[in-house]
Amino acid sequence: MPAPSFFIVGAPKCGTTSLNDYLRQHPDIFIPERKELHHFGGDLHFAKSVRPTRAEYLAHFAAAQPGQIGGEASVWYLFSRLAAQEIRDFCPAAKIIIMLRSPADMMHSLHSQYLFESNEDLTDFSAALDAEEDRSQGRRLPPNSNYREGLLYRRVAHFAEQVGRYLNVFPREQIHVIDFADFSQETPRVFAEVLEFLGVDSSFRCEFEVRNPNKQIHSRTLHTFLNNPGRLSILLGRLIPQSLRRSLVSRLKKANSPAAPRPPLDARLRAELNREFAPEVERLGKLVGKDLSKWLA
């Protein structure tokens, strides 16, 4: 059965969805329709999904055509303490794509995404950062949180240790690191470099459309209900066909949360986070051989 040979391992809110969708357009690449399979990473525990078995995981690649290379994107593989070694055991020749972003921007964007997913109940980003210590002790956790460790925003943003785990088990030439700023500003060039890294035709051109944009929620009560309908979903399941129910929910979500620019990160908080993460950014830059000082501007 076909199996993946490259992995977009994260980090969250660093362009992985866009890159995943762009690569899917390439005729020599097969990527499953479903993103975030998270088969690897035995230490990752999600409340709303079950880890696929090896057979279930490989079944996602069954439609790959002869000559195509397979890959997948799961953003928590980077944060996982175990995923790097598990992927290495599964495919020693695997090619690893790591996408990174300034810690302040990544955390701010992740908080916004969590609010949209009803994975976070503190609407103020600063308050969410202040709650990290309590949350690490199991307190003040949102009732509908899917991945509670992801609410420890600062831990998620400590990229040096995470990238180091992959460098410890894979040769450097099998790892490709992308700065989100470069990816967003020079998408065709960065995309062509990814194709060269994967060993496929780098002259291929695809449609570079924005994926996974920030969304503004009009009614949080309605949004929370649509994400977590509870017992009412059982009743609706008896009255409305599943396909119609999914279509209705999708339309309501779209109407209630149109794409909109994210409010800017408070300048004082950004400065505080930049000072806090300056040593981390310096370590990461040395590790990957990139000048990341612009992240702290």
Protein backbone atom coordinates (compact mmCIF):
# COMPACT_ATOMS: atom_id res chain seq x y z
CA MET A 1 0.00 0.00 0.00
CA PRO A 2 1.30 3.51 -0.79
CA ALA A 3 2.78 5.35 2.18
CA PRO A 4 3.88 8.94 2.86
CA SER A 5 7.52 9.87 2.41
CA PHE A 6 7.37 13.54 3.41
CA PHE A 7 5.79 15.28 6.36
CA ILE A 8 4.83 18.90 7.04
CA VAL A 9 5.22 18.75 10.81
CA GLY A 10 4.23 22.28 11.89
CA ALA A 11 4.27 24.63 13.63
CA PRO A 12 0.64 25.77 13.98
CA LYS A 13 -0.42 29.03 12.32
CA CYS A 14 2.74 29.11 10.20
CA GLY A 15 1.28 28.46 6.75
CA THR A 16 1.02 24.67 6.82
CA THR A 17 -2.55 24.63 5.50
CA SER A 18 -1.63 26.77 2.51
CA LEU A 19 1.48 24.75 1.68
CA ASN A 20 -0.46 21.51 2.07
CA ASP A 21 -3.12 22.69 -0.38
CA TYR A 22 -0.59 24.08 -2.86
CA LEU A 23 1.37 20.81 -2.91
CA ARG A 24 -1.83 18.83 -3.44
CA GLN A 25 -2.21 20.52 -6.83
CA HIS A 26 1.08 19.06 -8.10
CA PRO A 27 0.56 16.03 -10.38
CA ASP A 28 3.57 14.20 -8.90
CA ILE A 29 2.38 14.58 -5.31
CA PHE A 30 -0.41 12.85 -3.43
CA ILE A 31 -1.77 14.36 -0.23
CA PRO A 32 -4.95 13.06 1.43
CA GLU A 33 -8.01 15.27 1.50
CA ARG A 34 -7.95 15.21 5.28
CA LYS A 35 -5.28 17.28 7.01
CA GLU A 36 -4.09 16.73 10.61
CA LEU A 37 -4.13 12.93 10.63
CA HIS A 38 -1.79 12.89 13.66
CA HIS A 39 -1.00 9.21 13.44
CA PHE A 40 2.44 9.82 14.93
CA GLY A 41 3.09 11.43 18.29
CA GLY A 42 2.07 8.93 20.94
CA ASP A 43 2.15 11.70 23.55
CA LEU A 44 -0.52 13.77 21.76
CA HIS A 45 -4.01 13.35 23.18
CA PHE A 46 -7.00 15.00 21.52
CA ALA A 47 -10.42 15.08 23.15
CA LYS A 48 -12.42 15.18 19.92
CA SER A 49 -10.55 12.72 17.71
CA VAL A 50 -9.12 9.21 17.87
CA ARG A 51 -5.64 8.38 16.63
CA PRO A 52 -5.91 6.28 13.45
CA THR A 53 -4.42 2.80 13.45
CA ARG A 54 -1.58 2.12 11.02
CA ALA A 55 -4.00 0.45 8.59
CA GLU A 56 -6.47 3.34 8.85
CA TYR A 57 -3.65 5.83 8.38
CA LEU A 58 -2.24 4.14 5.28
CA ALA A 59 -5.74 3.85 3.81
CA HIS A 60 -5.69 7.64 3.35
CA PHE A 61 -2.92 7.14 0.77
CA ALA A 62 -4.52 4.23 -1.10
CA ALA A 63 -5.59 6.45 -4.00
CA ALA A 64 -2.03 7.58 -4.77
CA GLN A 65 -1.04 6.90 -8.39
CA PRO A 66 2.16 5.16 -9.51
CA GLY A 67 5.00 7.66 -9.60
CA GLN A 68 3.45 10.02 -7.08
CA ILE A 69 5.13 10.75 -3.76
CA GLY A 70 2.89 10.86 -0.72
CA GLY A 71 2.90 13.32 2.12
CA GLU A 72 0.78 14.75 4.88
CA ALA A 73 0.60 17.74 7.23
CA SER A 74 -0.04 17.49 10.98
CA VAL A 75 0.99 20.61 12.87
CA TRP A 76 1.42 19.04 16.31
CA TYR A 77 4.11 16.62 15.12
CA LEU A 78 6.62 19.40 15.82
CA PHE A 79 5.43 19.99 19.38
CA SER A 80 5.25 16.27 20.15
CA ARG A 81 8.18 14.84 22.11
CA LEU A 82 7.82 11.48 20.34
CA ALA A 83 6.71 12.15 16.75
CA ALA A 84 10.19 12.80 15.31
CA GLN A 85 11.52 9.39 16.36
CA GLU A 86 8.27 7.63 15.42
CA ILE A 87 8.38 9.11 11.91
CA ARG A 88 12.07 8.14 11.67
CA ASP A 89 11.21 4.55 12.64
CA PHE A 90 8.40 4.49 10.07
CA CYS A 91 10.39 6.05 7.21
CA PRO A 92 14.12 6.67 7.77
CA ALA A 93 14.39 8.47 4.41
CA ALA A 94 11.44 10.79 5.18
CA LYS A 95 11.73 14.43 4.18
CA ILE A 96 10.63 16.83 6.88
CA ILE A 97 9.20 20.31 6.26
CA ILE A 98 9.15 22.67 9.25
CA MET A 99 7.38 26.03 9.05
CA LEU A 100 8.14 28.65 11.70
CA ARG A 101 7.05 32.15 12.62
CA SER A 102 7.88 34.82 15.18
CA PRO A 103 6.71 33.54 18.58
CA ALA A 104 4.58 36.62 19.30
CA ASP A 105 2.71 36.41 16.00
CA MET A 106 2.31 32.63 16.17
CA MET A 107 0.86 32.72 19.68
CA HIS A 108 -1.47 35.61 18.86
CA SER A 109 -2.71 33.84 15.73
CA LEU A 110 -3.13 30.52 17.55
CA HIS A 111 -5.20 32.20 20.24
CA SER A 112 -7.47 33.68 17.55
CA GLN A 113 -7.82 30.27 15.90
CA TYR A 114 -8.66 28.63 19.21
CA LEU A 115 -11.40 31.18 19.84
CA PHE A 116 -12.87 30.33 16.44
CA GLU A 117 -12.75 26.61 17.24
CA SER A 118 -14.23 27.10 20.74
CA ASN A 119 -11.00 25.62 22.07
CA GLU A 120 -10.38 28.79 24.11
CA ASP A 121 -12.76 30.75 26.35
CA LEU A 122 -10.56 33.73 27.27
CA THR A 123 -11.13 36.27 24.53
CA ASP A 124 -8.31 38.55 25.70
CA PHE A 125 -4.93 37.26 24.50
CA SER A 126 -3.04 38.74 27.43
CA ALA A 127 -5.41 37.03 29.87
CA ALA A 128 -4.89 33.72 28.06
CA LEU A 129 -1.13 34.10 28.49
CA ASP A 130 -1.58 34.89 32.18
CA ALA A 131 -3.67 31.72 32.60
CA GLU A 132 -0.90 29.40 31.37
CA GLU A 133 0.47 28.54 34.81
CA ASP A 134 -2.97 27.58 36.13
CA ARG A 135 -3.74 25.62 33.00
CA SER A 136 -0.49 23.69 33.26
CA GLN A 137 -1.81 22.53 36.65
CA GLY A 138 -5.19 21.53 35.20
CA ARG A 139 -7.08 24.63 36.32
CA ARG A 140 -9.11 27.20 34.33
CA LEU A 141 -9.33 24.93 31.31
CA PRO A 142 -12.03 25.61 28.69
CA PRO A 143 -14.79 22.97 28.88
CA ASN A 144 -14.69 22.27 25.13
CA SER A 145 -10.92 22.23 24.65
CA ASN A 146 -9.70 19.65 22.15
CA TYR A 147 -5.96 19.78 22.87
CA ARG A 148 -5.26 21.30 26.28
CA GLU A 149 -1.47 21.32 26.00
CA GLY A 150 -1.89 23.63 23.01
CA LEU A 151 -3.28 26.27 25.38
CA LEU A 152 0.19 26.63 26.87
CA TYR A 153 1.06 29.16 24.20
CA ARG A 154 4.60 29.86 25.36
CA ARG A 155 5.50 26.17 25.34
CA VAL A 156 4.18 25.84 21.80
CA ALA A 157 6.41 28.78 20.77
CA HIS A 158 9.65 27.28 22.11
CA PHE A 159 10.72 26.08 18.67
CA ALA A 160 14.43 25.46 19.28
CA GLU A 161 13.87 22.34 21.40
CA GLN A 162 11.21 21.07 19.01
CA VAL A 163 13.33 21.53 15.88
CA GLY A 164 16.28 20.01 17.73
CA ARG A 165 14.40 16.75 18.15
CA TYR A 166 14.15 16.38 14.37
CA LEU A 167 17.78 17.36 13.82
CA ASN A 168 18.76 14.69 16.33
CA VAL A 169 17.12 11.85 14.39
CA PHE A 170 17.22 13.00 10.75
CA PRO A 171 20.17 14.15 8.61
CA ARG A 172 20.11 17.90 8.03
CA GLU A 173 19.65 17.41 4.28
CA GLN A 174 16.31 15.70 4.96
CA ILE A 175 14.93 18.75 6.78
CA HIS A 176 13.66 21.91 5.09
CA VAL A 177 12.88 24.93 7.27
CA ILE A 178 10.59 27.72 6.07
CA ASP A 179 10.15 31.16 7.62
CA PHE A 180 6.48 32.12 7.43
CA ALA A 181 7.41 35.71 6.58
CA ASP A 182 9.29 34.51 3.48
CA PHE A 183 6.47 32.13 2.56
CA SER A 184 3.80 34.84 2.75
CA GLN A 185 5.85 37.51 0.95
CA GLU A 186 7.59 35.39 -1.71
CA THR A 187 5.24 32.45 -2.10
CA PRO A 188 6.23 31.32 -5.64
CA ARG A 189 9.96 31.29 -4.83
CA VAL A 190 9.55 29.47 -1.51
CA PHE A 191 7.12 26.99 -3.08
CA ALA A 192 9.59 26.21 -5.88
CA GLU A 193 12.28 25.55 -3.25
CA VAL A 194 9.96 23.07 -1.53
CA LEU A 195 9.39 21.27 -4.83
CA GLU A 196 13.15 21.06 -5.38
CA PHE A 197 13.57 19.69 -1.86
CA LEU A 198 10.96 17.02 -2.57
CA GLY A 199 12.56 16.11 -5.88
CA VAL A 200 9.60 16.90 -8.15
CA ASP A 201 9.20 19.31 -11.07
CA SER A 202 9.87 22.74 -9.58
CA SER A 203 8.58 24.60 -12.65
CA PHE A 204 4.99 23.64 -11.77
CA ARG A 205 2.74 26.61 -11.12
CA CYS A 206 -0.33 26.43 -8.92
CA GLU A 207 -3.06 28.74 -7.72
CA PHE A 208 -1.77 30.62 -4.68
CA GLU A 209 -4.95 31.45 -2.81
CA VAL A 210 -5.17 32.38 0.87
CA ARG A 211 -6.06 29.36 2.98
CA ASN A 212 -7.35 29.32 6.54
CA PRO A 213 -7.80 33.13 6.87
CA ASN A 214 -8.60 34.78 10.18
CA LYS A 215 -12.33 34.97 10.90
CA GLN A 216 -14.42 37.37 12.96
CA ILE A 217 -17.22 35.83 15.02
CA HIS A 218 -20.47 37.81 15.23
CA SER A 219 -22.30 35.71 17.84
CA ARG A 220 -20.05 33.69 20.14
CA THR A 221 -23.05 31.95 21.68
CA LEU A 222 -24.18 30.66 18.28
CA HIS A 223 -20.61 29.78 17.35
CA THR A 224 -20.07 27.75 20.53
CA PHE A 225 -23.35 25.94 19.98
CA LEU A 226 -22.50 25.05 16.37
CA ASN A 227 -19.14 23.63 17.47
CA ASN A 228 -20.58 21.76 20.44
CA PRO A 229 -24.32 21.08 19.90
CA GLY A 230 -24.42 18.39 22.60
CA ARG A 231 -27.64 16.41 23.04
CA LEU A 232 -29.51 18.54 20.53
CA SER A 233 -27.37 16.99 17.79
CA ILE A 234 -28.89 13.61 18.63
CA LEU A 235 -32.39 15.01 18.25
CA LEU A 236 -31.52 16.80 15.02
CA GLY A 237 -29.95 13.60 13.74
CA ARG A 238 -33.32 11.93 13.99
CA LEU A 239 -35.15 14.74 12.23
CA ILE A 240 -32.71 16.00 9.59
CA PRO A 241 -30.58 13.90 7.18
CA GLN A 242 -26.87 14.07 7.94
CA SER A 243 -25.92 15.67 4.62
CA LEU A 244 -28.53 18.42 5.06
CA ARG A 245 -27.51 18.94 8.69
CA ARG A 246 -23.85 19.37 7.76
CA SER A 247 -24.73 21.79 4.98
CA LEU A 248 -26.91 23.86 7.32
CA VAL A 249 -24.23 24.00 10.02
CA SER A 250 -21.59 24.95 7.45
CA ARG A 251 -23.72 27.81 6.12
CA LEU A 252 -24.51 29.10 9.59
CA LYS A 253 -20.82 29.01 10.56
CA LYS A 254 -19.84 30.86 7.39
CA ALA A 255 -22.49 33.53 7.92
CA ASN A 256 -21.58 33.95 11.59
CA SER A 257 -17.81 34.08 11.07
CA PRO A 258 -16.76 35.85 7.86
CA ALA A 259 -13.08 36.34 7.03
CA ALA A 260 -11.74 39.52 8.59
CA PRO A 261 -8.33 40.92 9.52
CA ARG A 262 -7.16 40.00 13.00
CA PRO A 263 -6.96 42.96 15.40
CA PRO A 264 -3.29 43.90 15.76
CA LEU A 265 -1.30 42.61 18.69
CA ASP A 266 -0.93 45.26 21.39
CA ALA A 267 2.43 46.98 20.84
CA ARG A 268 3.41 46.85 24.51
CA LEU A 269 2.60 43.15 24.78
CA ARG A 270 4.50 42.45 21.55
CA ALA A 271 7.56 44.21 22.94
CA GLU A 272 7.34 42.18 26.17
CA LEU A 273 7.06 38.90 24.29
CA ASN A 274 9.91 39.84 21.95
CA ARG A 275 12.17 40.51 24.93
CA GLU A 276 11.12 37.27 26.57
CA PHE A 277 11.73 35.19 23.45
CA ALA A 278 14.89 36.93 22.22
CA PRO A 279 17.24 34.21 23.61
CA GLU A 280 14.99 31.50 22.16
CA VAL A 281 14.98 33.14 18.72
CA GLU A 282 18.78 33.44 18.80
CA ARG A 283 19.18 29.74 19.67
CA LEU A 284 16.76 28.75 16.93
CA GLY A 285 18.52 30.89 14.34
CA LYS A 286 21.85 29.23 15.09
CA LEU A 287 20.21 25.81 14.99
CA VAL A 288 18.66 26.23 11.53
CA GLY A 289 21.31 28.54 10.07
CA LYS A 290 18.97 31.50 9.49
CA ASP A 291 19.02 35.11 10.64
CA LEU A 292 15.72 35.43 12.51
CA SER A 293 16.40 38.79 14.14
CA LYS A 294 13.64 40.36 12.01
CA TRP A 295 11.13 38.43 14.14
CA LEU A 296 11.99 40.73 17.04
CA ALA A 297 11.65 44.00 15.15
